[in-house]
Amino acid sequence: MRPWVKKLIIVFILIGSVLVFFVGIGFYMNYSMDPLIYDSSNIHEIPHKPIAIVLGAAVNPRTELPSDILADRILGAVDLYKEGKVDMILMSGDNRVTHYNEPEVMRLFAISHGVLSEAIVLDYAGRRTYDTCYRAKYIFGIDEAVLVTQRYHLYRALYTCRGLGVDVVGLDAVRQEYVGQGFYNVREFAAQIVAFFQVNITRPEAAVMGDRIDLSL
């Protein structure tokens, strides 16, 4: 066998091993977190937690209304609140520029669906899932919560929050089909790999920190 053929085989083996490792991360994350996920059909079985954490998503800049994905997440938290499964809701989203404010849009949408204003807390620096979980623990002092997002995202969100010391279960917020779901699935595969290394190796602080906020949970 020629030397260049041997080198090529070694390269393919190394690439294959890395891919298998990455796929294994996703499989492990999904398999281990799946028992912690509830949906609208068994919301009554969710154990009571002091707070729900709604993970931010896109807002329509023209209408200043939540996207379908975000609206479903907020409505999921509204259901938890009305069912008495949580006492408060933390709306965590992006507000890094003045003209884009996910948490405020989320707050107004929840109030319009019957949540009391005083039951809502805003996290303006939830730029990423990791940041939301990190700040929930180290800024807001949250030890247990219900995470609200779509199932494809819940696996990573649950893994991240639990890895950072927050005892969480998840509510699958899916209420419809979403445009671009295939893209979200592919992006999530890569994001799970990043989350695995963040939780287990690098453990960075959130991009934005600040003073501790006592929620008296």
N, C-alpha and C. Protein backbone atom coordinates (compact mmCIF):
# COMPACT_ATOMS: atom_id res chain seq x y z
N MET A 1 0.85 -1.20 0.00
CA MET A 1 0.00 0.00 0.00
C MET A 1 0.88 1.24 0.00
N ARG A 2 0.53 2.19 -0.84
CA ARG A 2 1.33 3.40 -0.94
C ARG A 2 1.18 4.26 0.32
N PRO A 3 2.26 4.99 0.67
CA PRO A 3 2.23 5.81 1.89
C PRO A 3 1.08 6.81 1.91
N TRP A 4 0.77 7.43 0.75
CA TRP A 4 -0.28 8.44 0.74
C TRP A 4 -1.65 7.82 0.99
N VAL A 5 -1.81 6.55 0.59
CA VAL A 5 -3.07 5.84 0.84
C VAL A 5 -3.22 5.58 2.33
N LYS A 6 -2.12 5.18 2.97
CA LYS A 6 -2.17 4.95 4.42
C LYS A 6 -2.54 6.23 5.18
N LYS A 7 -1.93 7.33 4.75
CA LYS A 7 -2.22 8.61 5.40
C LYS A 7 -3.68 9.00 5.22
N LEU A 8 -4.20 8.74 4.03
CA LEU A 8 -5.58 9.07 3.75
C LEU A 8 -6.53 8.24 4.61
N ILE A 9 -6.20 6.96 4.77
CA ILE A 9 -7.02 6.09 5.61
C ILE A 9 -7.01 6.57 7.05
N ILE A 10 -5.82 6.96 7.53
CA ILE A 10 -5.71 7.47 8.90
C ILE A 10 -6.56 8.72 9.09
N VAL A 11 -6.52 9.62 8.10
CA VAL A 11 -7.31 10.85 8.17
C VAL A 11 -8.80 10.52 8.24
N PHE A 12 -9.25 9.59 7.38
CA PHE A 12 -10.65 9.20 7.39
C PHE A 12 -11.06 8.58 8.72
N ILE A 13 -10.16 7.78 9.29
CA ILE A 13 -10.46 7.16 10.58
C ILE A 13 -10.59 8.22 11.68
N LEU A 14 -9.68 9.19 11.65
CA LEU A 14 -9.73 10.26 12.65
C LEU A 14 -11.00 11.09 12.52
N ILE A 15 -11.33 11.44 11.27
CA ILE A 15 -12.55 12.22 11.04
C ILE A 15 -13.78 11.43 11.47
N GLY A 16 -13.79 10.15 11.12
CA GLY A 16 -14.91 9.29 11.51
C GLY A 16 -15.05 9.19 13.02
N SER A 17 -13.92 9.09 13.71
CA SER A 17 -13.95 8.98 15.18
C SER A 17 -14.51 10.24 15.81
N VAL A 18 -14.11 11.39 15.28
CA VAL A 18 -14.61 12.66 15.80
C VAL A 18 -16.12 12.78 15.57
N LEU A 19 -16.57 12.40 14.38
CA LEU A 19 -18.00 12.47 14.08
C LEU A 19 -18.81 11.55 14.99
N VAL A 20 -18.28 10.35 15.21
CA VAL A 20 -18.96 9.41 16.11
C VAL A 20 -19.05 9.99 17.51
N PHE A 21 -17.97 10.63 17.95
CA PHE A 21 -17.95 11.25 19.28
C PHE A 21 -19.00 12.36 19.38
N PHE A 22 -19.07 13.19 18.35
CA PHE A 22 -20.04 14.28 18.35
C PHE A 22 -21.48 13.77 18.32
N VAL A 23 -21.73 12.76 17.51
CA VAL A 23 -23.06 12.16 17.46
C VAL A 23 -23.41 11.54 18.81
N GLY A 24 -22.40 10.95 19.45
CA GLY A 24 -22.61 10.35 20.76
C GLY A 24 -23.01 11.38 21.81
N ILE A 25 -22.41 12.58 21.71
CA ILE A 25 -22.78 13.66 22.64
C ILE A 25 -24.26 13.98 22.50
N GLY A 26 -24.72 14.16 21.26
CA GLY A 26 -26.12 14.47 21.03
C GLY A 26 -27.04 13.37 21.51
N PHE A 27 -26.66 12.13 21.23
CA PHE A 27 -27.50 11.00 21.64
C PHE A 27 -27.59 10.93 23.16
N TYR A 28 -26.45 11.09 23.83
CA TYR A 28 -26.44 11.03 25.29
C TYR A 28 -27.27 12.15 25.90
N MET A 29 -27.12 13.37 25.35
CA MET A 29 -27.86 14.52 25.88
C MET A 29 -29.36 14.31 25.71
N ASN A 30 -29.77 13.88 24.54
CA ASN A 30 -31.20 13.67 24.28
C ASN A 30 -31.76 12.54 25.14
N TYR A 31 -31.03 11.44 25.20
CA TYR A 31 -31.51 10.27 25.95
C TYR A 31 -31.61 10.56 27.44
N SER A 32 -30.62 11.23 28.00
CA SER A 32 -30.60 11.47 29.45
C SER A 32 -31.59 12.54 29.88
N MET A 33 -31.90 13.50 29.00
CA MET A 33 -32.81 14.58 29.37
C MET A 33 -34.27 14.28 29.02
N ASP A 34 -34.53 13.33 28.16
CA ASP A 34 -35.88 13.05 27.70
C ASP A 34 -36.88 12.77 28.82
N PRO A 35 -36.50 12.02 29.88
CA PRO A 35 -37.47 11.76 30.96
C PRO A 35 -37.90 13.01 31.73
N LEU A 36 -37.20 14.10 31.55
CA LEU A 36 -37.50 15.32 32.28
C LEU A 36 -38.45 16.25 31.52
N ILE A 37 -38.89 15.82 30.33
CA ILE A 37 -39.68 16.68 29.46
C ILE A 37 -41.17 16.33 29.54
N TYR A 38 -41.98 17.35 29.72
CA TYR A 38 -43.44 17.22 29.73
C TYR A 38 -43.99 18.02 28.55
N ASP A 39 -45.27 17.79 28.23
CA ASP A 39 -45.92 18.60 27.20
C ASP A 39 -47.33 18.94 27.66
N SER A 40 -48.11 19.56 26.78
CA SER A 40 -49.45 20.03 27.17
C SER A 40 -50.36 18.89 27.61
N SER A 41 -50.09 17.67 27.13
CA SER A 41 -50.96 16.55 27.47
C SER A 41 -50.77 16.05 28.90
N ASN A 42 -49.61 16.32 29.48
CA ASN A 42 -49.38 15.87 30.86
C ASN A 42 -48.83 16.99 31.74
N ILE A 43 -49.24 18.22 31.42
CA ILE A 43 -48.76 19.38 32.20
C ILE A 43 -49.16 19.26 33.67
N HIS A 44 -50.26 18.56 33.93
CA HIS A 44 -50.72 18.39 35.31
C HIS A 44 -49.76 17.54 36.14
N GLU A 45 -48.86 16.80 35.47
CA GLU A 45 -47.91 15.95 36.18
C GLU A 45 -46.61 16.67 36.52
N ILE A 46 -46.44 17.88 36.02
CA ILE A 46 -45.21 18.61 36.30
C ILE A 46 -45.14 18.97 37.78
N PRO A 47 -44.03 18.66 38.44
CA PRO A 47 -43.92 19.04 39.85
C PRO A 47 -43.87 20.56 40.01
N HIS A 48 -44.45 21.06 41.09
CA HIS A 48 -44.44 22.50 41.32
C HIS A 48 -43.00 22.99 41.49
N LYS A 49 -42.70 24.09 40.82
CA LYS A 49 -41.41 24.77 40.96
C LYS A 49 -41.69 26.23 41.24
N PRO A 50 -40.78 26.93 41.89
CA PRO A 50 -41.05 28.33 42.21
C PRO A 50 -41.13 29.24 41.00
N ILE A 51 -40.49 28.85 39.90
CA ILE A 51 -40.42 29.77 38.77
C ILE A 51 -40.29 29.01 37.45
N ALA A 52 -40.84 29.59 36.40
CA ALA A 52 -40.63 29.08 35.04
C ALA A 52 -39.63 30.00 34.35
N ILE A 53 -38.75 29.43 33.55
CA ILE A 53 -37.79 30.21 32.78
C ILE A 53 -38.14 30.06 31.30
N VAL A 54 -38.49 31.17 30.68
CA VAL A 54 -38.81 31.16 29.25
C VAL A 54 -37.58 31.63 28.48
N LEU A 55 -37.09 30.80 27.59
CA LEU A 55 -35.91 31.15 26.81
C LEU A 55 -36.32 31.98 25.60
N GLY A 56 -35.61 33.07 25.37
CA GLY A 56 -35.97 34.02 24.33
C GLY A 56 -35.78 33.48 22.92
N ALA A 57 -36.43 34.13 21.99
CA ALA A 57 -36.31 33.83 20.56
C ALA A 57 -36.67 35.10 19.81
N ALA A 58 -36.75 35.01 18.50
CA ALA A 58 -36.89 36.20 17.68
C ALA A 58 -38.19 36.96 17.92
N VAL A 59 -38.08 38.27 17.80
CA VAL A 59 -39.22 39.18 17.81
C VAL A 59 -39.31 39.84 16.45
N ASN A 60 -40.53 40.00 15.93
CA ASN A 60 -40.71 40.69 14.66
C ASN A 60 -40.42 42.17 14.85
N PRO A 61 -39.38 42.70 14.20
CA PRO A 61 -38.99 44.10 14.45
C PRO A 61 -40.02 45.11 13.95
N ARG A 62 -40.87 44.73 13.00
CA ARG A 62 -41.88 45.65 12.47
C ARG A 62 -43.10 45.73 13.38
N THR A 63 -43.56 44.59 13.82
CA THR A 63 -44.77 44.56 14.65
C THR A 63 -44.47 44.58 16.14
N GLU A 64 -43.21 44.27 16.50
CA GLU A 64 -42.81 44.14 17.90
C GLU A 64 -43.67 43.09 18.62
N LEU A 65 -43.97 42.03 17.89
CA LEU A 65 -44.68 40.88 18.44
C LEU A 65 -43.76 39.67 18.42
N PRO A 66 -43.96 38.74 19.33
CA PRO A 66 -43.11 37.54 19.33
C PRO A 66 -43.31 36.69 18.09
N SER A 67 -42.25 36.06 17.63
CA SER A 67 -42.36 35.09 16.55
C SER A 67 -43.20 33.92 17.01
N ASP A 68 -43.58 33.05 16.08
CA ASP A 68 -44.39 31.89 16.45
C ASP A 68 -43.69 31.04 17.50
N ILE A 69 -42.40 30.85 17.33
CA ILE A 69 -41.65 30.03 18.30
C ILE A 69 -41.68 30.67 19.68
N LEU A 70 -41.43 31.97 19.73
CA LEU A 70 -41.41 32.65 21.03
C LEU A 70 -42.81 32.73 21.64
N ALA A 71 -43.82 33.00 20.82
CA ALA A 71 -45.19 33.07 21.33
C ALA A 71 -45.59 31.76 21.99
N ASP A 72 -45.23 30.64 21.37
CA ASP A 72 -45.58 29.34 21.94
C ASP A 72 -44.87 29.12 23.28
N ARG A 73 -43.63 29.58 23.39
CA ARG A 73 -42.92 29.44 24.66
C ARG A 73 -43.61 30.25 25.76
N ILE A 74 -43.99 31.47 25.43
CA ILE A 74 -44.66 32.31 26.43
C ILE A 74 -46.00 31.70 26.84
N LEU A 75 -46.76 31.21 25.87
CA LEU A 75 -48.06 30.60 26.18
C LEU A 75 -47.88 29.35 27.04
N GLY A 76 -46.79 28.63 26.83
CA GLY A 76 -46.51 27.48 27.69
C GLY A 76 -46.31 27.90 29.14
N ALA A 77 -45.57 29.00 29.33
CA ALA A 77 -45.35 29.51 30.69
C ALA A 77 -46.66 30.04 31.28
N VAL A 78 -47.48 30.65 30.45
CA VAL A 78 -48.80 31.12 30.92
C VAL A 78 -49.62 29.95 31.44
N ASP A 79 -49.60 28.85 30.71
CA ASP A 79 -50.33 27.66 31.15
C ASP A 79 -49.82 27.16 32.49
N LEU A 80 -48.51 27.13 32.65
CA LEU A 80 -47.92 26.70 33.93
C LEU A 80 -48.38 27.60 35.07
N TYR A 81 -48.39 28.88 34.81
CA TYR A 81 -48.79 29.86 35.83
C TYR A 81 -50.27 29.67 36.20
N LYS A 82 -51.11 29.52 35.21
CA LYS A 82 -52.54 29.37 35.48
C LYS A 82 -52.87 28.02 36.12
N GLU A 83 -52.03 27.01 35.85
CA GLU A 83 -52.23 25.69 36.45
C GLU A 83 -51.67 25.64 37.88
N GLY A 84 -51.03 26.71 38.32
CA GLY A 84 -50.45 26.73 39.65
C GLY A 84 -49.17 25.93 39.78
N LYS A 85 -48.54 25.64 38.65
CA LYS A 85 -47.30 24.86 38.66
C LYS A 85 -46.08 25.72 38.96
N VAL A 86 -46.19 27.03 38.72
CA VAL A 86 -45.13 27.97 39.06
C VAL A 86 -45.76 29.23 39.65
N ASP A 87 -44.98 29.95 40.45
CA ASP A 87 -45.46 31.18 41.06
C ASP A 87 -44.98 32.43 40.32
N MET A 88 -43.87 32.28 39.61
CA MET A 88 -43.30 33.41 38.89
C MET A 88 -42.80 32.94 37.53
N ILE A 89 -42.52 33.90 36.65
CA ILE A 89 -41.98 33.59 35.33
C ILE A 89 -40.78 34.51 35.07
N LEU A 90 -39.65 33.92 34.72
CA LEU A 90 -38.48 34.68 34.30
C LEU A 90 -38.43 34.68 32.78
N MET A 91 -38.56 35.87 32.20
CA MET A 91 -38.46 36.04 30.75
C MET A 91 -37.01 36.39 30.42
N SER A 92 -36.31 35.49 29.78
CA SER A 92 -34.89 35.70 29.51
C SER A 92 -34.65 35.82 28.02
N GLY A 93 -34.13 36.98 27.60
CA GLY A 93 -33.92 37.19 26.17
C GLY A 93 -32.86 38.24 25.89
N ASP A 94 -32.76 38.61 24.64
CA ASP A 94 -31.70 39.50 24.16
C ASP A 94 -32.19 40.95 24.16
N ASN A 95 -31.36 41.83 24.74
CA ASN A 95 -31.63 43.27 24.71
C ASN A 95 -30.31 44.03 24.61
N ARG A 96 -29.42 43.51 23.75
CA ARG A 96 -28.10 44.13 23.67
C ARG A 96 -28.12 45.47 22.93
N VAL A 97 -29.19 45.73 22.16
CA VAL A 97 -29.34 47.02 21.49
C VAL A 97 -30.68 47.62 21.91
N THR A 98 -30.75 48.96 21.96
CA THR A 98 -31.91 49.63 22.54
C THR A 98 -33.21 49.38 21.77
N HIS A 99 -33.12 49.18 20.46
CA HIS A 99 -34.34 49.03 19.66
C HIS A 99 -34.81 47.58 19.54
N TYR A 100 -34.16 46.67 20.27
CA TYR A 100 -34.57 45.26 20.21
C TYR A 100 -34.63 44.73 21.63
N ASN A 101 -35.82 44.40 22.12
CA ASN A 101 -36.01 44.06 23.52
C ASN A 101 -36.92 42.84 23.66
N GLU A 102 -36.33 41.67 23.56
CA GLU A 102 -37.11 40.44 23.68
C GLU A 102 -37.85 40.32 25.01
N PRO A 103 -37.17 40.54 26.16
CA PRO A 103 -37.88 40.34 27.44
C PRO A 103 -39.11 41.22 27.60
N GLU A 104 -39.04 42.47 27.15
CA GLU A 104 -40.19 43.36 27.30
C GLU A 104 -41.35 42.90 26.43
N VAL A 105 -41.07 42.47 25.21
CA VAL A 105 -42.12 41.93 24.35
C VAL A 105 -42.74 40.69 24.99
N MET A 106 -41.91 39.85 25.56
CA MET A 106 -42.39 38.65 26.23
C MET A 106 -43.28 39.01 27.42
N ARG A 107 -42.88 40.00 28.19
CA ARG A 107 -43.66 40.43 29.35
C ARG A 107 -45.04 40.91 28.94
N LEU A 108 -45.09 41.78 27.95
CA LEU A 108 -46.37 42.33 27.51
C LEU A 108 -47.29 41.25 26.96
N PHE A 109 -46.71 40.29 26.23
CA PHE A 109 -47.50 39.21 25.67
C PHE A 109 -48.09 38.34 26.79
N ALA A 110 -47.30 38.06 27.82
CA ALA A 110 -47.79 37.25 28.93
C ALA A 110 -48.89 37.98 29.70
N ILE A 111 -48.71 39.27 29.92
CA ILE A 111 -49.73 40.05 30.62
C ILE A 111 -51.04 40.06 29.83
N SER A 112 -50.92 40.16 28.51
CA SER A 112 -52.13 40.16 27.67
C SER A 112 -52.87 38.83 27.73
N HIS A 113 -52.18 37.79 28.24
CA HIS A 113 -52.83 36.47 28.36
C HIS A 113 -53.08 36.10 29.82
N GLY A 114 -53.11 37.11 30.69
CA GLY A 114 -53.61 36.87 32.03
C GLY A 114 -52.61 36.71 33.14
N VAL A 115 -51.31 36.91 32.87
CA VAL A 115 -50.31 36.81 33.93
C VAL A 115 -50.16 38.17 34.61
N LEU A 116 -50.13 38.18 35.93
CA LEU A 116 -49.96 39.42 36.67
C LEU A 116 -48.56 39.98 36.45
N SER A 117 -48.48 41.28 36.28
CA SER A 117 -47.19 41.93 36.03
C SER A 117 -46.18 41.64 37.13
N GLU A 118 -46.66 41.62 38.38
CA GLU A 118 -45.74 41.41 39.50
C GLU A 118 -45.21 39.97 39.57
N ALA A 119 -45.77 39.08 38.78
CA ALA A 119 -45.29 37.69 38.75
C ALA A 119 -44.23 37.47 37.68
N ILE A 120 -43.84 38.53 36.98
CA ILE A 120 -42.90 38.41 35.87
C ILE A 120 -41.60 39.11 36.21
N VAL A 121 -40.49 38.42 35.98
CA VAL A 121 -39.15 38.97 36.16
C VAL A 121 -38.46 38.95 34.81
N LEU A 122 -37.69 39.99 34.51
CA LEU A 122 -37.03 40.08 33.21
C LEU A 122 -35.52 39.93 33.34
N ASP A 123 -34.96 39.13 32.46
CA ASP A 123 -33.51 39.01 32.32
C ASP A 123 -33.15 39.53 30.93
N TYR A 124 -32.56 40.72 30.90
CA TYR A 124 -32.26 41.38 29.63
C TYR A 124 -30.97 40.88 28.98
N ALA A 125 -30.27 39.96 29.64
CA ALA A 125 -28.97 39.52 29.12
C ALA A 125 -28.95 38.02 28.81
N GLY A 126 -30.12 37.46 28.52
CA GLY A 126 -30.18 36.05 28.14
C GLY A 126 -29.89 35.88 26.65
N ARG A 127 -28.68 36.20 26.25
CA ARG A 127 -28.32 36.21 24.83
C ARG A 127 -28.20 34.81 24.24
N ARG A 128 -27.82 33.89 25.08
CA ARG A 128 -27.66 32.50 24.66
C ARG A 128 -28.27 31.60 25.74
N THR A 129 -28.52 30.36 25.39
CA THR A 129 -29.05 29.41 26.36
C THR A 129 -28.12 29.28 27.56
N TYR A 130 -26.81 29.21 27.30
CA TYR A 130 -25.85 29.10 28.40
C TYR A 130 -25.94 30.31 29.31
N ASP A 131 -26.03 31.51 28.73
CA ASP A 131 -26.13 32.73 29.54
C ASP A 131 -27.38 32.72 30.41
N THR A 132 -28.50 32.28 29.85
CA THR A 132 -29.75 32.22 30.61
C THR A 132 -29.60 31.31 31.82
N CYS A 133 -29.04 30.14 31.61
CA CYS A 133 -28.87 29.19 32.72
C CYS A 133 -27.87 29.70 33.75
N TYR A 134 -26.78 30.27 33.28
CA TYR A 134 -25.74 30.77 34.19
C TYR A 134 -26.28 31.90 35.04
N ARG A 135 -26.97 32.84 34.40
CA ARG A 135 -27.51 33.98 35.13
C ARG A 135 -28.67 33.56 36.05
N ALA A 136 -29.44 32.58 35.63
CA ALA A 136 -30.50 32.07 36.51
C ALA A 136 -29.91 31.60 37.84
N LYS A 137 -28.78 30.94 37.78
CA LYS A 137 -28.14 30.42 38.98
C LYS A 137 -27.40 31.50 39.77
N TYR A 138 -26.56 32.27 39.08
CA TYR A 138 -25.62 33.13 39.79
C TYR A 138 -26.04 34.59 39.91
N ILE A 139 -27.03 35.02 39.14
CA ILE A 139 -27.57 36.37 39.29
C ILE A 139 -28.90 36.35 40.02
N PHE A 140 -29.80 35.45 39.60
CA PHE A 140 -31.13 35.41 40.19
C PHE A 140 -31.25 34.41 41.33
N GLY A 141 -30.23 33.59 41.56
CA GLY A 141 -30.25 32.67 42.68
C GLY A 141 -31.28 31.57 42.57
N ILE A 142 -31.59 31.16 41.36
CA ILE A 142 -32.61 30.13 41.14
C ILE A 142 -31.99 28.74 41.30
N ASP A 143 -32.58 27.93 42.14
CA ASP A 143 -32.10 26.56 42.37
C ASP A 143 -32.95 25.51 41.66
N GLU A 144 -34.22 25.84 41.37
CA GLU A 144 -35.09 24.90 40.68
C GLU A 144 -36.12 25.67 39.85
N ALA A 145 -36.46 25.09 38.70
CA ALA A 145 -37.35 25.81 37.79
C ALA A 145 -37.90 24.86 36.74
N VAL A 146 -38.89 25.36 36.00
CA VAL A 146 -39.37 24.68 34.80
C VAL A 146 -38.88 25.48 33.60
N LEU A 147 -38.15 24.83 32.71
CA LEU A 147 -37.70 25.49 31.48
C LEU A 147 -38.80 25.36 30.43
N VAL A 148 -39.04 26.44 29.69
CA VAL A 148 -40.07 26.41 28.67
C VAL A 148 -39.45 26.78 27.32
N THR A 149 -39.43 25.82 26.42
CA THR A 149 -38.98 26.02 25.05
C THR A 149 -39.43 24.79 24.25
N GLN A 150 -39.09 24.76 22.97
CA GLN A 150 -39.49 23.61 22.14
C GLN A 150 -38.59 22.41 22.43
N ARG A 151 -39.13 21.22 22.18
CA ARG A 151 -38.42 19.99 22.53
C ARG A 151 -37.02 19.92 21.92
N TYR A 152 -36.89 20.31 20.64
CA TYR A 152 -35.59 20.20 19.99
C TYR A 152 -34.53 21.02 20.75
N HIS A 153 -34.96 22.05 21.43
CA HIS A 153 -34.06 22.93 22.18
C HIS A 153 -33.97 22.54 23.66
N LEU A 154 -35.01 21.87 24.15
CA LEU A 154 -35.07 21.53 25.57
C LEU A 154 -33.93 20.63 26.02
N TYR A 155 -33.53 19.68 25.17
CA TYR A 155 -32.48 18.75 25.58
C TYR A 155 -31.22 19.52 26.01
N ARG A 156 -30.81 20.45 25.17
CA ARG A 156 -29.60 21.24 25.48
C ARG A 156 -29.84 22.18 26.66
N ALA A 157 -31.00 22.81 26.69
CA ALA A 157 -31.29 23.74 27.77
C ALA A 157 -31.31 23.03 29.13
N LEU A 158 -31.96 21.89 29.18
CA LEU A 158 -32.00 21.11 30.42
C LEU A 158 -30.61 20.66 30.84
N TYR A 159 -29.85 20.15 29.88
CA TYR A 159 -28.50 19.68 30.17
C TYR A 159 -27.64 20.81 30.70
N THR A 160 -27.75 21.97 30.10
CA THR A 160 -26.93 23.11 30.50
C THR A 160 -27.30 23.60 31.89
N CYS A 161 -28.59 23.82 32.13
CA CYS A 161 -29.01 24.31 33.44
C CYS A 161 -28.68 23.32 34.55
N ARG A 162 -28.93 22.05 34.31
CA ARG A 162 -28.63 21.05 35.33
C ARG A 162 -27.13 20.96 35.57
N GLY A 163 -26.36 21.08 34.49
CA GLY A 163 -24.91 21.06 34.64
C GLY A 163 -24.37 22.24 35.43
N LEU A 164 -25.12 23.34 35.43
CA LEU A 164 -24.72 24.54 36.18
C LEU A 164 -25.36 24.60 37.56
N GLY A 165 -26.07 23.55 37.93
CA GLY A 165 -26.57 23.46 39.30
C GLY A 165 -28.00 23.88 39.53
N VAL A 166 -28.79 24.00 38.45
CA VAL A 166 -30.21 24.35 38.59
C VAL A 166 -31.04 23.09 38.35
N ASP A 167 -31.84 22.73 39.33
CA ASP A 167 -32.69 21.53 39.23
C ASP A 167 -33.90 21.88 38.35
N VAL A 168 -33.89 21.42 37.12
CA VAL A 168 -34.94 21.81 36.17
C VAL A 168 -35.62 20.60 35.54
N VAL A 169 -36.89 20.83 35.20
CA VAL A 169 -37.62 19.96 34.28
C VAL A 169 -38.05 20.86 33.13
N GLY A 170 -38.58 20.27 32.06
CA GLY A 170 -38.90 21.08 30.89
C GLY A 170 -40.32 20.90 30.40
N LEU A 171 -40.89 21.98 29.87
CA LEU A 171 -42.18 21.93 29.20
C LEU A 171 -41.95 22.15 27.72
N ASP A 172 -42.35 21.17 26.91
CA ASP A 172 -42.27 21.29 25.46
C ASP A 172 -43.34 22.27 25.00
N ALA A 173 -42.92 23.38 24.40
CA ALA A 173 -43.85 24.45 24.04
C ALA A 173 -44.42 24.33 22.63
N VAL A 174 -44.12 23.25 21.93
CA VAL A 174 -44.56 23.12 20.54
C VAL A 174 -46.09 23.12 20.46
N ARG A 175 -46.64 24.01 19.62
CA ARG A 175 -48.08 24.07 19.38
C ARG A 175 -48.40 24.05 17.89
N GLN A 176 -47.38 24.06 17.04
CA GLN A 176 -47.57 24.15 15.60
C GLN A 176 -46.27 23.75 14.90
N GLU A 177 -46.31 23.67 13.58
CA GLU A 177 -45.10 23.46 12.80
C GLU A 177 -44.45 24.81 12.53
N TYR A 178 -43.11 24.83 12.54
CA TYR A 178 -42.39 26.07 12.36
C TYR A 178 -41.62 26.08 11.03
N VAL A 179 -41.68 27.22 10.38
CA VAL A 179 -40.90 27.39 9.15
C VAL A 179 -39.41 27.33 9.50
N GLY A 180 -38.66 26.55 8.72
CA GLY A 180 -37.22 26.45 8.95
C GLY A 180 -36.81 25.45 10.02
N GLN A 181 -37.71 24.52 10.38
CA GLN A 181 -37.39 23.57 11.44
C GLN A 181 -36.16 22.73 11.11
N GLY A 182 -35.98 22.39 9.84
CA GLY A 182 -34.80 21.61 9.45
C GLY A 182 -33.51 22.33 9.80
N PHE A 183 -33.48 23.63 9.54
CA PHE A 183 -32.30 24.43 9.88
C PHE A 183 -32.07 24.45 11.39
N TYR A 184 -33.16 24.61 12.16
CA TYR A 184 -33.02 24.63 13.61
C TYR A 184 -32.44 23.32 14.13
N ASN A 185 -32.86 22.21 13.54
CA ASN A 185 -32.36 20.90 13.97
C ASN A 185 -30.87 20.77 13.72
N VAL A 186 -30.42 21.22 12.54
CA VAL A 186 -29.00 21.14 12.21
C VAL A 186 -28.20 22.04 13.14
N ARG A 187 -28.68 23.25 13.34
CA ARG A 187 -27.99 24.20 14.22
C ARG A 187 -27.92 23.66 15.65
N GLU A 188 -28.97 22.98 16.06
CA GLU A 188 -29.01 22.45 17.42
C GLU A 188 -27.97 21.36 17.63
N PHE A 189 -27.72 20.57 16.59
CA PHE A 189 -26.69 19.53 16.69
C PHE A 189 -25.34 20.16 17.04
N ALA A 190 -24.99 21.24 16.34
CA ALA A 190 -23.73 21.93 16.62
C ALA A 190 -23.75 22.58 18.00
N ALA A 191 -24.90 23.16 18.36
CA ALA A 191 -25.01 23.84 19.65
C ALA A 191 -24.88 22.87 20.82
N GLN A 192 -25.36 21.65 20.64
CA GLN A 192 -25.22 20.65 21.70
C GLN A 192 -23.76 20.32 21.97
N ILE A 193 -22.97 20.25 20.94
CA ILE A 193 -21.55 19.97 21.10
C ILE A 193 -20.88 21.09 21.88
N VAL A 194 -21.19 22.34 21.50
CA VAL A 194 -20.63 23.49 22.21
C VAL A 194 -21.06 23.47 23.68
N ALA A 195 -22.33 23.18 23.93
CA ALA A 195 -22.84 23.16 25.30
C ALA A 195 -22.13 22.10 26.14
N PHE A 196 -21.87 20.96 25.55
CA PHE A 196 -21.18 19.87 26.27
C PHE A 196 -19.83 20.35 26.78
N PHE A 197 -19.08 21.02 25.92
CA PHE A 197 -17.75 21.49 26.33
C PHE A 197 -17.84 22.66 27.30
N GLN A 198 -18.84 23.53 27.13
CA GLN A 198 -19.01 24.64 28.07
C GLN A 198 -19.31 24.13 29.48
N VAL A 199 -20.22 23.19 29.58
CA VAL A 199 -20.65 22.70 30.88
C VAL A 199 -19.56 21.86 31.56
N ASN A 200 -18.87 21.05 30.78
CA ASN A 200 -17.94 20.08 31.37
C ASN A 200 -16.48 20.49 31.37
N ILE A 201 -16.12 21.50 30.57
CA ILE A 201 -14.70 21.84 30.47
C ILE A 201 -14.43 23.32 30.72
N THR A 202 -15.00 24.20 29.90
CA THR A 202 -14.59 25.61 29.98
C THR A 202 -15.30 26.40 31.07
N ARG A 203 -16.56 26.14 31.33
CA ARG A 203 -17.36 26.81 32.36
C ARG A 203 -17.19 28.33 32.35
N PRO A 204 -17.43 29.00 31.23
CA PRO A 204 -17.27 30.46 31.21
C PRO A 204 -18.40 31.14 31.98
N GLU A 205 -18.14 32.38 32.43
CA GLU A 205 -19.23 33.19 32.97
C GLU A 205 -20.14 33.61 31.81
N ALA A 206 -21.36 34.05 32.14
CA ALA A 206 -22.23 34.61 31.12
C ALA A 206 -21.58 35.85 30.53
N ALA A 207 -21.95 36.19 29.31
CA ALA A 207 -21.35 37.34 28.64
C ALA A 207 -21.58 38.63 29.43
N VAL A 208 -22.73 38.73 30.09
CA VAL A 208 -23.05 39.89 30.93
C VAL A 208 -23.40 39.38 32.32
N MET A 209 -22.73 39.93 33.32
CA MET A 209 -23.05 39.55 34.70
C MET A 209 -23.75 40.73 35.38
N GLY A 210 -23.40 41.05 36.61
CA GLY A 210 -24.04 42.14 37.33
C GLY A 210 -24.31 41.79 38.78
N ASP A 211 -25.02 42.67 39.46
CA ASP A 211 -25.33 42.44 40.87
C ASP A 211 -26.37 41.34 41.02
N ARG A 212 -26.30 40.67 42.14
CA ARG A 212 -27.26 39.61 42.45
C ARG A 212 -28.65 40.21 42.66
N ILE A 213 -29.66 39.53 42.15
CA ILE A 213 -31.05 39.96 42.28
C ILE A 213 -31.79 38.91 43.11
N ASP A 214 -32.26 39.30 44.27
CA ASP A 214 -32.92 38.37 45.16
C ASP A 214 -34.40 38.25 44.80
N LEU A 215 -34.79 37.07 44.34
CA LEU A 215 -36.18 36.82 44.00
C LEU A 215 -36.98 36.27 45.17
N SER A 216 -36.28 35.99 46.28
CA SER A 216 -36.92 35.46 47.49
C SER A 216 -37.73 34.20 47.17
N LEU A 217 -37.10 33.29 46.43
CA LEU A 217 -37.79 32.05 46.06
C LEU A 217 -37.72 31.05 47.20
